[in-house]
Amino acid sequence: MFQPAGDTLFTRVRNLESALGFKRLFLKFEGSNPTGTQKDRIAQMHYEDAHEKGFDTITLATCGNFGAAIAYACSKNGIRPAIFVPSDYHAVRVAEMEKLGAHITRVPGDYEDAVAASREAARREGWYDANPGGADQWSIARRGYGMIAREIVDALGRMPDTVAVSVGNGTTLAGVFQGFKEVMGERGLDRVPRMVAASTPRGNPVIKSFKQGSRVCLDLKPAEIRETEVNEPLTNWHSFDGDRALEALHESRGFAEYVSDAEMRRVTMMIRNVEGINVLTASTAAVAALARVATTHDLGDCHVAVLTGRRVPARRPEQPLAKAARPAEAPPS
């Protein structure tokens, strides 16, 4: 049965906030979307857009999560997903995409090479191009990820003080921030939350550019990238929506922090053990970065981290869990 995206789990994590020293900490858990990530939101919107425009094929490049989300969205009514996967990545969700009817093309090189191959195929074959970076794609991302902000404000009844998001291309963070700006204008609120961007020290242009004070997202040299099974969803030498993410950080008076693989693993196990939520390890960079910033800045008392993964249905969100057995991890993007 096809499940729509959105209206995801929003829960106060009292055990985690106590362990990390926060007054109030909430998780916006995108793992309760159909394929376990926020990308389901825009995948279903891309499907509707392609269907309305008469396309029979959607193409994109992916390291895993976006491809799985597009394949799931297309499975409801016959649009063919043509998915390009970089051969240098683990991409452990390929079998899942194929089961959902996707045609997989392996591209020598990295994610950026796969994007280029997908875009060329879209031009050559007349396919719908769902890759990030274009004006049409940003319009969908802004609306889709903006709904995360709306759901957070609806649940809290106010603006949070800070919102932390792990970044790769920067699209999710930029879209969430735009959502907060729209809500602020519509409801006559006086501010937006300060955004916190988190990513790997082994290769992300958004974090490096912000720390250098740049208003433009500067490409990395491919040799700077060090991919691991943990940080793979976060690594890029070119962030397709990096400029938009930087604008969100500067406009919100936000922060950007690197988080190591070891720290992501530590926070992942903490969340699993004290809250019973099976999070994607790369997404926990948001929590780790937020905790680090809070040690040196007064951030207020209401904080939200946007995470992905799979929830362990062992308890209701409001029930504390002293310890949970380690579940299998959701695959990385």
C-alpha atoms as a PDB file:
ATOM      1  CA  MET A   1       0.000   0.000   0.000  1.00  0.00           C
ATOM      2  CA  PHE A   2       1.430   3.367  -1.028  1.00  0.00           C
ATOM      3  CA  GLN A   3       2.233   5.652   1.925  1.00  0.00           C
ATOM      4  CA  PRO A   4       2.395   9.444   1.463  1.00  0.00           C
ATOM      5  CA  ALA A   5       5.368  11.355   2.855  1.00  0.00           C
ATOM      6  CA  GLY A   6       5.290  13.980   5.575  1.00  0.00           C
ATOM      7  CA  ASP A   7       3.718  14.478   8.997  1.00  0.00           C
ATOM      8  CA  THR A   8       6.719  12.665  10.461  1.00  0.00           C
ATOM      9  CA  LEU A   9       7.502  11.878  14.073  1.00  0.00           C
ATOM     10  CA  PHE A  10       8.273  14.917  16.232  1.00  0.00           C
ATOM     11  CA  THR A  11       9.236  14.032  19.760  1.00  0.00           C
ATOM     12  CA  ARG A  12      10.941  15.503  22.779  1.00  0.00           C
ATOM     13  CA  VAL A  13      13.920  13.338  23.720  1.00  0.00           C
ATOM     14  CA  ARG A  14      14.224  13.882  27.464  1.00  0.00           C
ATOM     15  CA  ASN A  15      16.878  11.231  28.051  1.00  0.00           C
ATOM     16  CA  LEU A  16      19.075  12.582  25.287  1.00  0.00           C
ATOM     17  CA  GLU A  17      18.612  16.214  26.321  1.00  0.00           C
ATOM     18  CA  SER A  18      19.638  15.295  29.864  1.00  0.00           C
ATOM     19  CA  ALA A  19      22.719  13.440  28.633  1.00  0.00           C
ATOM     20  CA  LEU A  20      23.776  16.356  26.426  1.00  0.00           C
ATOM     21  CA  GLY A  21      22.833  19.187  28.791  1.00  0.00           C
ATOM     22  CA  PHE A  22      19.968  20.767  26.833  1.00  0.00           C
ATOM     23  CA  LYS A  23      16.913  22.325  28.460  1.00  0.00           C
ATOM     24  CA  ARG A  24      14.597  21.124  25.693  1.00  0.00           C
ATOM     25  CA  LEU A  25      15.637  19.005  22.702  1.00  0.00           C
ATOM     26  CA  PHE A  26      13.308  17.640  20.035  1.00  0.00           C
ATOM     27  CA  LEU A  27      13.916  15.306  17.111  1.00  0.00           C
ATOM     28  CA  LYS A  28      12.124  15.755  13.817  1.00  0.00           C
ATOM     29  CA  PHE A  29      12.489  12.173  12.681  1.00  0.00           C
ATOM     30  CA  GLU A  30      12.221  11.819   8.918  1.00  0.00           C
ATOM     31  CA  GLY A  31      12.825   8.080   9.305  1.00  0.00           C
ATOM     32  CA  SER A  32       9.071   7.664   9.601  1.00  0.00           C
ATOM     33  CA  ASN A  33       8.692   8.526   5.908  1.00  0.00           C
ATOM     34  CA  PRO A  34       8.059   5.550   3.566  1.00  0.00           C
ATOM     35  CA  THR A  35      11.702   4.858   2.666  1.00  0.00           C
ATOM     36  CA  GLY A  36      13.165   6.391   5.818  1.00  0.00           C
ATOM     37  CA  THR A  37      14.377   9.844   4.766  1.00  0.00           C
ATOM     38  CA  GLN A  38      13.213  13.373   4.065  1.00  0.00           C
ATOM     39  CA  LYS A  39      13.819  12.720   0.383  1.00  0.00           C
ATOM     40  CA  ASP A  40      10.434  10.972   0.182  1.00  0.00           C
ATOM     41  CA  ARG A  41       8.865  14.419   0.443  1.00  0.00           C
ATOM     42  CA  ILE A  42      10.411  15.759  -2.742  1.00  0.00           C
ATOM     43  CA  ALA A  43      10.446  12.393  -4.554  1.00  0.00           C
ATOM     44  CA  GLN A  44       6.660  12.244  -4.448  1.00  0.00           C
ATOM     45  CA  MET A  45       6.447  15.856  -5.633  1.00  0.00           C
ATOM     46  CA  HIS A  46       8.834  15.098  -8.521  1.00  0.00           C
ATOM     47  CA  TYR A  47       6.655  12.133  -9.471  1.00  0.00           C
ATOM     48  CA  GLU A  48       3.510  14.299  -9.538  1.00  0.00           C
ATOM     49  CA  ASP A  49       5.310  16.981 -11.561  1.00  0.00           C
ATOM     50  CA  ALA A  50       6.635  14.458 -14.086  1.00  0.00           C
ATOM     51  CA  HIS A  51       3.217  12.810 -14.368  1.00  0.00           C
ATOM     52  CA  GLU A  52       1.453  16.131 -14.986  1.00  0.00           C
ATOM     53  CA  LYS A  53       3.997  17.073 -17.665  1.00  0.00           C
ATOM     54  CA  GLY A  54       3.632  13.751 -19.491  1.00  0.00           C
ATOM     55  CA  PHE A  55       7.065  12.222 -18.837  1.00  0.00           C
ATOM     56  CA  ASP A  56       7.397   8.436 -18.771  1.00  0.00           C
ATOM     57  CA  THR A  57      10.878   8.366 -17.157  1.00  0.00           C
ATOM     58  CA  ILE A  58      12.482  10.176 -14.221  1.00  0.00           C
ATOM     59  CA  THR A  59      16.247  10.240 -13.941  1.00  0.00           C
ATOM     60  CA  LEU A  60      18.599  11.242 -11.157  1.00  0.00           C
ATOM     61  CA  ALA A  61      21.959  10.383  -9.643  1.00  0.00           C
ATOM     62  CA  THR A  62      22.086   8.985  -6.131  1.00  0.00           C
ATOM     63  CA  CYS A  63      24.234   7.396  -3.492  1.00  0.00           C
ATOM     64  CA  GLY A  64      21.132   5.590  -2.191  1.00  0.00           C
ATOM     65  CA  ASN A  65      18.384   7.449  -0.358  1.00  0.00           C
ATOM     66  CA  PHE A  66      17.066   9.756  -3.086  1.00  0.00           C
ATOM     67  CA  GLY A  67      17.089   6.893  -5.561  1.00  0.00           C
ATOM     68  CA  ALA A  68      15.104   4.666  -3.208  1.00  0.00           C
ATOM     69  CA  ALA A  69      12.613   7.477  -2.610  1.00  0.00           C
ATOM     70  CA  ILE A  70      12.134   8.138  -6.342  1.00  0.00           C
ATOM     71  CA  ALA A  71      11.771   4.400  -7.070  1.00  0.00           C
ATOM     72  CA  TYR A  72       9.119   4.135  -4.358  1.00  0.00           C
ATOM     73  CA  ALA A  73       7.246   7.209  -5.626  1.00  0.00           C
ATOM     74  CA  CYS A  74       7.270   5.870  -9.190  1.00  0.00           C
ATOM     75  CA  SER A  75       6.088   2.414  -8.133  1.00  0.00           C
ATOM     76  CA  LYS A  76       2.507   3.610  -7.613  1.00  0.00           C
ATOM     77  CA  ASN A  77       1.727   4.347 -11.246  1.00  0.00           C
ATOM     78  CA  GLY A  78       4.245   3.223 -13.770  1.00  0.00           C
ATOM     79  CA  ILE A  79       6.712   6.053 -14.397  1.00  0.00           C
ATOM     80  CA  ARG A  80      10.103   4.467 -15.013  1.00  0.00           C
ATOM     81  CA  PRO A  81      12.972   5.521 -12.716  1.00  0.00           C
ATOM     82  CA  ALA A  82      16.366   5.615 -14.442  1.00  0.00           C
ATOM     83  CA  ILE A  83      18.888   5.900 -11.640  1.00  0.00           C
ATOM     84  CA  PHE A  84      22.609   6.599 -12.023  1.00  0.00           C
ATOM     85  CA  VAL A  85      24.861   5.382  -9.214  1.00  0.00           C
ATOM     86  CA  PRO A  86      28.548   6.287  -8.771  1.00  0.00           C
ATOM     87  CA  SER A  87      30.674   3.173  -8.965  1.00  0.00           C
ATOM     88  CA  ASP A  88      33.031   4.459  -6.251  1.00  0.00           C
ATOM     89  CA  TYR A  89      30.233   4.448  -3.624  1.00  0.00           C
ATOM     90  CA  HIS A  90      28.807   1.598  -1.565  1.00  0.00           C
ATOM     91  CA  ALA A  91      25.187   2.390  -2.579  1.00  0.00           C
ATOM     92  CA  VAL A  92      23.729  -0.483  -0.575  1.00  0.00           C
ATOM     93  CA  ARG A  93      20.125   0.416  -1.511  1.00  0.00           C
ATOM     94  CA  VAL A  94      20.552  -0.600  -5.158  1.00  0.00           C
ATOM     95  CA  ALA A  95      18.769  -3.945  -4.686  1.00  0.00           C
ATOM     96  CA  GLU A  96      15.844  -2.115  -3.082  1.00  0.00           C
ATOM     97  CA  MET A  97      15.627   0.291  -6.025  1.00  0.00           C
ATOM     98  CA  GLU A  98      15.722  -2.570  -8.522  1.00  0.00           C
ATOM     99  CA  LYS A  99      12.974  -4.417  -6.666  1.00  0.00           C
ATOM    100  CA  LEU A 100      10.839  -1.276  -7.003  1.00  0.00           C
ATOM    101  CA  GLY A 101      11.406  -1.279 -10.770  1.00  0.00           C
ATOM    102  CA  ALA A 102      14.330   1.101 -11.196  1.00  0.00           C
ATOM    103  CA  HIS A 103      16.838   0.731 -14.015  1.00  0.00           C
ATOM    104  CA  ILE A 104      20.321   1.178 -12.522  1.00  0.00           C
ATOM    105  CA  THR A 105      23.308   2.540 -14.435  1.00  0.00           C
ATOM    106  CA  ARG A 106      26.695   2.434 -12.724  1.00  0.00           C
ATOM    107  CA  VAL A 107      28.878   5.436 -13.571  1.00  0.00           C
ATOM    108  CA  PRO A 108      32.671   5.382 -13.152  1.00  0.00           C
ATOM    109  CA  GLY A 109      33.751   8.015 -10.653  1.00  0.00           C
ATOM    110  CA  ASP A 110      31.984   9.986  -7.962  1.00  0.00           C
ATOM    111  CA  TYR A 111      28.538  11.460  -7.285  1.00  0.00           C
ATOM    112  CA  GLU A 112      29.187  14.539  -9.407  1.00  0.00           C
ATOM    113  CA  ASP A 113      30.123  12.274 -12.342  1.00  0.00           C
ATOM    114  CA  ALA A 114      26.843  10.379 -11.886  1.00  0.00           C
ATOM    115  CA  VAL A 115      24.873  13.656 -11.883  1.00  0.00           C
ATOM    116  CA  ALA A 116      26.538  14.706 -15.128  1.00  0.00           C
ATOM    117  CA  ALA A 117      25.711  11.340 -16.742  1.00  0.00           C
ATOM    118  CA  SER A 118      22.086  11.507 -15.566  1.00  0.00           C
ATOM    119  CA  ARG A 119      21.647  15.046 -16.867  1.00  0.00           C
ATOM    120  CA  GLU A 120      23.114  14.127 -20.230  1.00  0.00           C
ATOM    121  CA  ALA A 121      20.741  11.152 -20.465  1.00  0.00           C
ATOM    122  CA  ALA A 122      17.810  13.444 -19.625  1.00  0.00           C
ATOM    123  CA  ARG A 123      18.769  15.811 -22.466  1.00  0.00           C
ATOM    124  CA  ARG A 124      19.386  12.984 -24.921  1.00  0.00           C
ATOM    125  CA  GLU A 125      16.319  10.865 -24.123  1.00  0.00           C
ATOM    126  CA  GLY A 126      13.834  13.558 -23.145  1.00  0.00           C
ATOM    127  CA  TRP A 127      13.534  12.332 -19.557  1.00  0.00           C
ATOM    128  CA  TYR A 128      12.432  14.269 -16.490  1.00  0.00           C
ATOM    129  CA  ASP A 129      15.550  15.474 -14.643  1.00  0.00           C
ATOM    130  CA  ALA A 130      15.180  15.324 -10.850  1.00  0.00           C
ATOM    131  CA  ASN A 131      18.812  16.109 -10.053  1.00  0.00           C
ATOM    132  CA  PRO A 132      19.522  18.951  -7.602  1.00  0.00           C
ATOM    133  CA  GLY A 133      20.820  22.340  -8.619  1.00  0.00           C
ATOM    134  CA  GLY A 134      18.308  23.545 -11.216  1.00  0.00           C
ATOM    135  CA  ALA A 135      15.586  26.165 -10.753  1.00  0.00           C
ATOM    136  CA  ASP A 136      12.723  23.677 -11.209  1.00  0.00           C
ATOM    137  CA  GLN A 137      14.301  21.219  -8.792  1.00  0.00           C
ATOM    138  CA  TRP A 138      14.861  23.956  -6.204  1.00  0.00           C
ATOM    139  CA  SER A 139      11.222  25.008  -6.409  1.00  0.00           C
ATOM    140  CA  ILE A 140      10.160  21.481  -5.451  1.00  0.00           C
ATOM    141  CA  ALA A 141      12.854  21.132  -2.768  1.00  0.00           C
ATOM    142  CA  ARG A 142      11.918  24.478  -1.222  1.00  0.00           C
ATOM    143  CA  ARG A 143       8.261  23.462  -0.954  1.00  0.00           C
ATOM    144  CA  GLY A 144       8.912  19.867   0.077  1.00  0.00           C
ATOM    145  CA  TYR A 145      11.548  20.519   2.730  1.00  0.00           C
ATOM    146  CA  GLY A 146       9.778  23.699   3.770  1.00  0.00           C
ATOM    147  CA  MET A 147       7.000  21.465   5.083  1.00  0.00           C
ATOM    148  CA  ILE A 148       9.446  20.160   7.698  1.00  0.00           C
ATOM    149  CA  ALA A 149       9.649  23.690   9.109  1.00  0.00           C
ATOM    150  CA  ARG A 150       5.874  24.075   9.064  1.00  0.00           C
ATOM    151  CA  GLU A 151       5.374  20.799  10.898  1.00  0.00           C
ATOM    152  CA  ILE A 152       7.940  21.798  13.541  1.00  0.00           C
ATOM    153  CA  VAL A 153       6.246  25.148  14.208  1.00  0.00           C
ATOM    154  CA  ASP A 154       2.802  23.518  14.273  1.00  0.00           C
ATOM    155  CA  ALA A 155       3.989  20.949  16.815  1.00  0.00           C
ATOM    156  CA  LEU A 156       5.750  23.474  19.059  1.00  0.00           C
ATOM    157  CA  GLY A 157       3.302  26.337  18.679  1.00  0.00           C
ATOM    158  CA  ARG A 158       6.318  28.645  18.278  1.00  0.00           C
ATOM    159  CA  MET A 159       9.636  29.007  16.484  1.00  0.00           C
ATOM    160  CA  PRO A 160      12.436  26.873  17.909  1.00  0.00           C
ATOM    161  CA  ASP A 161      15.626  28.680  18.868  1.00  0.00           C
ATOM    162  CA  THR A 162      17.920  26.463  16.789  1.00  0.00           C
ATOM    163  CA  VAL A 163      17.474  23.781  14.135  1.00  0.00           C
ATOM    164  CA  ALA A 164      20.338  21.466  13.194  1.00  0.00           C
ATOM    165  CA  VAL A 165      20.566  19.596   9.879  1.00  0.00           C
ATOM    166  CA  SER A 166      23.283  17.377   8.432  1.00  0.00           C
ATOM    167  CA  VAL A 167      24.349  18.599   4.981  1.00  0.00           C
ATOM    168  CA  GLY A 168      25.671  17.110   1.770  1.00  0.00           C
ATOM    169  CA  ASN A 169      24.400  19.213  -1.139  1.00  0.00           C
ATOM    170  CA  GLY A 170      22.856  21.668   1.324  1.00  0.00           C
ATOM    171  CA  THR A 171      19.381  21.290  -0.208  1.00  0.00           C
ATOM    172  CA  THR A 172      17.550  20.086   2.901  1.00  0.00           C
ATOM    173  CA  LEU A 173      18.929  22.800   5.175  1.00  0.00           C
ATOM    174  CA  ALA A 174      18.192  25.519   2.615  1.00  0.00           C
ATOM    175  CA  GLY A 175      14.658  24.246   2.046  1.00  0.00           C
ATOM    176  CA  VAL A 176      13.892  23.968   5.757  1.00  0.00           C
ATOM    177  CA  PHE A 177      15.133  27.519   6.313  1.00  0.00           C
ATOM    178  CA  GLN A 178      12.945  28.850   3.504  1.00  0.00           C
ATOM    179  CA  GLY A 179      10.012  27.123   5.175  1.00  0.00           C
ATOM    180  CA  PHE A 180      10.708  28.943   8.437  1.00  0.00           C
ATOM    181  CA  LYS A 181      10.922  32.272   6.593  1.00  0.00           C
ATOM    182  CA  GLU A 182       7.550  31.680   4.963  1.00  0.00           C
ATOM    183  CA  VAL A 183       5.933  30.672   8.258  1.00  0.00           C
ATOM    184  CA  MET A 184       7.391  33.768   9.932  1.00  0.00           C
ATOM    185  CA  GLY A 185       5.807  36.029   7.333  1.00  0.00           C
ATOM    186  CA  GLU A 186       2.457  34.253   7.248  1.00  0.00           C
ATOM    187  CA  ARG A 187       2.003  34.139  11.020  1.00  0.00           C
ATOM    188  CA  GLY A 188       3.538  37.460  11.957  1.00  0.00           C
ATOM    189  CA  LEU A 189       6.390  35.914  13.957  1.00  0.00           C
ATOM    190  CA  ASP A 190       9.445  38.019  14.689  1.00  0.00           C
ATOM    191  CA  ARG A 191      12.316  35.688  13.926  1.00  0.00           C
ATOM    192  CA  VAL A 192      13.544  32.440  12.400  1.00  0.00           C
ATOM    193  CA  PRO A 193      15.649  29.835  14.217  1.00  0.00           C
ATOM    194  CA  ARG A 194      19.408  29.858  13.982  1.00  0.00           C
ATOM    195  CA  MET A 195      20.414  27.086  11.594  1.00  0.00           C
ATOM    196  CA  VAL A 196      23.228  24.669  12.420  1.00  0.00           C
ATOM    197  CA  ALA A 197      24.871  22.800   9.538  1.00  0.00           C
ATOM    198  CA  ALA A 198      26.806  19.621  10.263  1.00  0.00           C
ATOM    199  CA  SER A 199      28.944  17.462   8.012  1.00  0.00           C
ATOM    200  CA  THR A 200      32.073  15.403   7.670  1.00  0.00           C
ATOM    201  CA  PRO A 201      35.582  16.863   7.983  1.00  0.00           C
ATOM    202  CA  ARG A 202      36.554  14.536   5.142  1.00  0.00           C
ATOM    203  CA  GLY A 203      34.835  16.491   2.418  1.00  0.00           C
ATOM    204  CA  ASN A 204      31.970  18.964   2.453  1.00  0.00           C
ATOM    205  CA  PRO A 205      32.133  22.381   0.741  1.00  0.00           C
ATOM    206  CA  VAL A 206      29.319  24.002   2.748  1.00  0.00           C
ATOM    207  CA  ILE A 207      31.076  23.674   6.095  1.00  0.00           C
ATOM    208  CA  LYS A 208      34.496  24.615   4.757  1.00  0.00           C
ATOM    209  CA  SER A 209      33.158  27.670   2.903  1.00  0.00           C
ATOM    210  CA  PHE A 210      31.238  28.925   5.949  1.00  0.00           C
ATOM    211  CA  LYS A 211      34.240  28.524   8.220  1.00  0.00           C
ATOM    212  CA  GLN A 212      36.310  30.517   5.720  1.00  0.00           C
ATOM    213  CA  GLY A 213      33.725  33.303   5.808  1.00  0.00           C
ATOM    214  CA  SER A 214      32.728  32.859   2.175  1.00  0.00           C
ATOM    215  CA  ARG A 215      29.242  33.790   0.937  1.00  0.00           C
ATOM    216  CA  VAL A 216      29.819  31.551  -2.085  1.00  0.00           C
ATOM    217  CA  CYS A 217      30.164  27.780  -1.784  1.00  0.00           C
ATOM    218  CA  LEU A 218      33.684  26.978  -2.915  1.00  0.00           C
ATOM    219  CA  ASP A 219      34.330  23.615  -4.552  1.00  0.00           C
ATOM    220  CA  LEU A 220      36.744  21.226  -2.893  1.00  0.00           C
ATOM    221  CA  LYS A 221      39.496  19.469  -4.729  1.00  0.00           C
ATOM    222  CA  PRO A 222      38.407  15.847  -5.288  1.00  0.00           C
ATOM    223  CA  ALA A 223      41.626  14.772  -3.568  1.00  0.00           C
ATOM    224  CA  GLU A 224      40.298  16.301  -0.320  1.00  0.00           C
ATOM    225  CA  ILE A 225      37.445  13.796  -0.191  1.00  0.00           C
ATOM    226  CA  ARG A 226      37.824  10.774   2.069  1.00  0.00           C
ATOM    227  CA  GLU A 227      34.690   8.633   1.840  1.00  0.00           C
ATOM    228  CA  THR A 228      33.736   6.030   4.422  1.00  0.00           C
ATOM    229  CA  GLU A 229      30.614   3.945   4.944  1.00  0.00           C
ATOM    230  CA  VAL A 230      29.631   6.428   7.655  1.00  0.00           C
ATOM    231  CA  ASN A 231      30.227   9.783   5.961  1.00  0.00           C
ATOM    232  CA  GLU A 232      29.319   8.829   2.378  1.00  0.00           C
ATOM    233  CA  PRO A 233      25.916  10.625   2.416  1.00  0.00           C
ATOM    234  CA  LEU A 234      27.688  13.862   3.420  1.00  0.00           C
ATOM    235  CA  THR A 235      30.647  13.980   1.029  1.00  0.00           C
ATOM    236  CA  ASN A 236      30.799  16.194  -2.068  1.00  0.00           C
ATOM    237  CA  TRP A 237      33.441  18.213  -3.824  1.00  0.00           C
ATOM    238  CA  HIS A 238      30.632  20.367  -5.269  1.00  0.00           C
ATOM    239  CA  SER A 239      27.440  21.025  -3.239  1.00  0.00           C
ATOM    240  CA  PHE A 240      24.679  21.725  -5.766  1.00  0.00           C
ATOM    241  CA  ASP A 241      22.669  23.898  -3.364  1.00  0.00           C
ATOM    242  CA  GLY A 242      25.659  25.042  -1.336  1.00  0.00           C
ATOM    243  CA  ASP A 243      25.110  28.733  -2.048  1.00  0.00           C
ATOM    244  CA  ARG A 244      21.541  28.490  -0.759  1.00  0.00           C
ATOM    245  CA  ALA A 245      22.696  26.672   2.373  1.00  0.00           C
ATOM    246  CA  LEU A 246      25.336  29.323   3.052  1.00  0.00           C
ATOM    247  CA  GLU A 247      22.760  32.066   2.604  1.00  0.00           C
ATOM    248  CA  ALA A 248      20.544  30.334   5.184  1.00  0.00           C
ATOM    249  CA  LEU A 249      23.418  30.069   7.660  1.00  0.00           C
ATOM    250  CA  HIS A 250      24.429  33.711   7.294  1.00  0.00           C
ATOM    251  CA  GLU A 251      20.881  35.089   7.321  1.00  0.00           C
ATOM    252  CA  SER A 252      19.922  33.093  10.439  1.00  0.00           C
ATOM    253  CA  ARG A 253      23.185  33.910  12.246  1.00  0.00           C
ATOM    254  CA  GLY A 254      23.844  30.208  12.261  1.00  0.00           C
ATOM    255  CA  PHE A 255      26.758  27.843  12.700  1.00  0.00           C
ATOM    256  CA  ALA A 256      28.576  25.098  10.805  1.00  0.00           C
ATOM    257  CA  GLU A 257      30.564  22.275  12.384  1.00  0.00           C
ATOM    258  CA  TYR A 258      32.531  19.249  11.303  1.00  0.00           C
ATOM    259  CA  VAL A 259      31.733  15.944  13.030  1.00  0.00           C
ATOM    260  CA  SER A 260      34.012  12.909  12.826  1.00  0.00           C
ATOM    261  CA  ASP A 261      32.883   9.372  12.023  1.00  0.00           C
ATOM    262  CA  ALA A 262      33.729   8.343  15.582  1.00  0.00           C
ATOM    263  CA  GLU A 263      31.529  11.090  17.052  1.00  0.00           C
ATOM    264  CA  MET A 264      28.645  10.195  14.720  1.00  0.00           C
ATOM    265  CA  ARG A 265      28.898   6.562  15.807  1.00  0.00           C
ATOM    266  CA  ARG A 266      28.946   7.576  19.469  1.00  0.00           C
ATOM    267  CA  VAL A 267      25.861   9.776  19.171  1.00  0.00           C
ATOM    268  CA  THR A 268      24.089   7.120  17.101  1.00  0.00           C
ATOM    269  CA  MET A 269      24.508   4.562  19.856  1.00  0.00           C
ATOM    270  CA  MET A 270      23.471   7.090  22.493  1.00  0.00           C
ATOM    271  CA  ILE A 271      20.224   7.825  20.639  1.00  0.00           C
ATOM    272  CA  ARG A 272      19.515   4.157  20.100  1.00  0.00           C
ATOM    273  CA  ASN A 273      20.215   3.222  23.688  1.00  0.00           C
ATOM    274  CA  VAL A 274      18.453   6.048  25.515  1.00  0.00           C
ATOM    275  CA  GLU A 275      15.630   6.831  23.079  1.00  0.00           C
ATOM    276  CA  GLY A 276      15.128   3.593  21.130  1.00  0.00           C
ATOM    277  CA  ILE A 277      15.329   5.288  17.734  1.00  0.00           C
ATOM    278  CA  ASN A 278      17.286   3.656  14.922  1.00  0.00           C
ATOM    279  CA  VAL A 279      18.908   6.638  13.249  1.00  0.00           C
ATOM    280  CA  LEU A 280      21.100   6.850  10.170  1.00  0.00           C
ATOM    281  CA  THR A 281      24.589   7.450  11.509  1.00  0.00           C
ATOM    282  CA  ALA A 282      25.421  10.283   9.091  1.00  0.00           C
ATOM    283  CA  SER A 283      22.331  12.226  10.164  1.00  0.00           C
ATOM    284  CA  THR A 284      23.444  12.301  13.820  1.00  0.00           C
ATOM    285  CA  ALA A 285      26.103  14.835  12.875  1.00  0.00           C
ATOM    286  CA  ALA A 286      23.281  17.352  13.425  1.00  0.00           C
ATOM    287  CA  VAL A 287      22.954  16.411  17.105  1.00  0.00           C
ATOM    288  CA  ALA A 288      26.707  16.319  17.687  1.00  0.00           C
ATOM    289  CA  ALA A 289      27.213  19.737  16.050  1.00  0.00           C
ATOM    290  CA  LEU A 290      24.353  21.277  18.010  1.00  0.00           C
ATOM    291  CA  ALA A 291      25.810  19.990  21.281  1.00  0.00           C
ATOM    292  CA  ARG A 292      29.245  21.396  20.394  1.00  0.00           C
ATOM    293  CA  VAL A 293      27.901  24.844  19.495  1.00  0.00           C
ATOM    294  CA  ALA A 294      25.878  24.943  22.717  1.00  0.00           C
ATOM    295  CA  THR A 295      29.064  24.688  24.796  1.00  0.00           C
ATOM    296  CA  THR A 296      30.297  28.069  23.544  1.00  0.00           C
ATOM    297  CA  HIS A 297      27.114  30.012  22.629  1.00  0.00           C
ATOM    298  CA  ASP A 298      23.835  30.858  24.310  1.00  0.00           C
ATOM    299  CA  LEU A 299      21.379  29.229  21.915  1.00  0.00           C
ATOM    300  CA  GLY A 300      18.174  29.624  23.916  1.00  0.00           C
ATOM    301  CA  ASP A 301      16.203  26.761  25.367  1.00  0.00           C
ATOM    302  CA  CYS A 302      14.314  25.050  22.500  1.00  0.00           C
ATOM    303  CA  HIS A 303      16.285  23.024  19.968  1.00  0.00           C
ATOM    304  CA  VAL A 304      15.432  20.679  17.096  1.00  0.00           C
ATOM    305  CA  ALA A 305      17.607  18.220  15.179  1.00  0.00           C
ATOM    306  CA  VAL A 306      16.365  16.765  11.892  1.00  0.00           C
ATOM    307  CA  LEU A 307      17.347  13.077  11.642  1.00  0.00           C
ATOM    308  CA  THR A 308      16.735  10.166   9.283  1.00  0.00           C
ATOM    309  CA  GLY A 309      16.720   6.390   9.697  1.00  0.00           C
ATOM    310  CA  ARG A 310      14.207   3.872  10.962  1.00  0.00           C
ATOM    311  CA  ARG A 311      12.257   4.082  14.215  1.00  0.00           C
ATOM    312  CA  VAL A 312      12.294   1.063  16.529  1.00  0.00           C
ATOM    313  CA  PRO A 313       8.615   0.596  17.485  1.00  0.00           C
ATOM    314  CA  ALA A 314       9.418  -0.620  20.987  1.00  0.00           C
ATOM    315  CA  ARG A 315       7.697   2.204  22.859  1.00  0.00           C
ATOM    316  CA  ARG A 316       5.593   5.311  22.455  1.00  0.00           C
ATOM    317  CA  PRO A 317       7.754   8.447  21.970  1.00  0.00           C
ATOM    318  CA  GLU A 318       6.787   9.869  25.368  1.00  0.00           C
ATOM    319  CA  GLN A 319       7.912   6.746  27.233  1.00  0.00           C
ATOM    320  CA  PRO A 320      11.565   6.781  28.347  1.00  0.00           C
ATOM    321  CA  LEU A 321      13.653   3.795  27.432  1.00  0.00           C
ATOM    322  CA  ALA A 322      16.612   2.975  29.629  1.00  0.00           C
ATOM    323  CA  LYS A 323      18.322   0.680  27.154  1.00  0.00           C
ATOM    324  CA  ALA A 324      17.551  -0.801  23.779  1.00  0.00           C
ATOM    325  CA  ALA A 325      19.215  -3.604  21.895  1.00  0.00           C
ATOM    326  CA  ARG A 326      21.155  -2.413  18.885  1.00  0.00           C
ATOM    327  CA  PRO A 327      19.003  -2.821  15.753  1.00  0.00           C
ATOM    328  CA  ALA A 328      20.233  -3.121  12.192  1.00  0.00           C
ATOM    329  CA  GLU A 329      21.146   0.262  10.742  1.00  0.00           C
ATOM    330  CA  ALA A 330      19.225   1.822   7.913  1.00  0.00           C
ATOM    331  CA  PRO A 331      21.410   1.974   4.807  1.00  0.00           C
ATOM    332  CA  PRO A 332      23.282   5.174   4.024  1.00  0.00           C
ATOM    333  CA  SER A 333      22.479   7.425   1.094  1.00  0.00           C
END
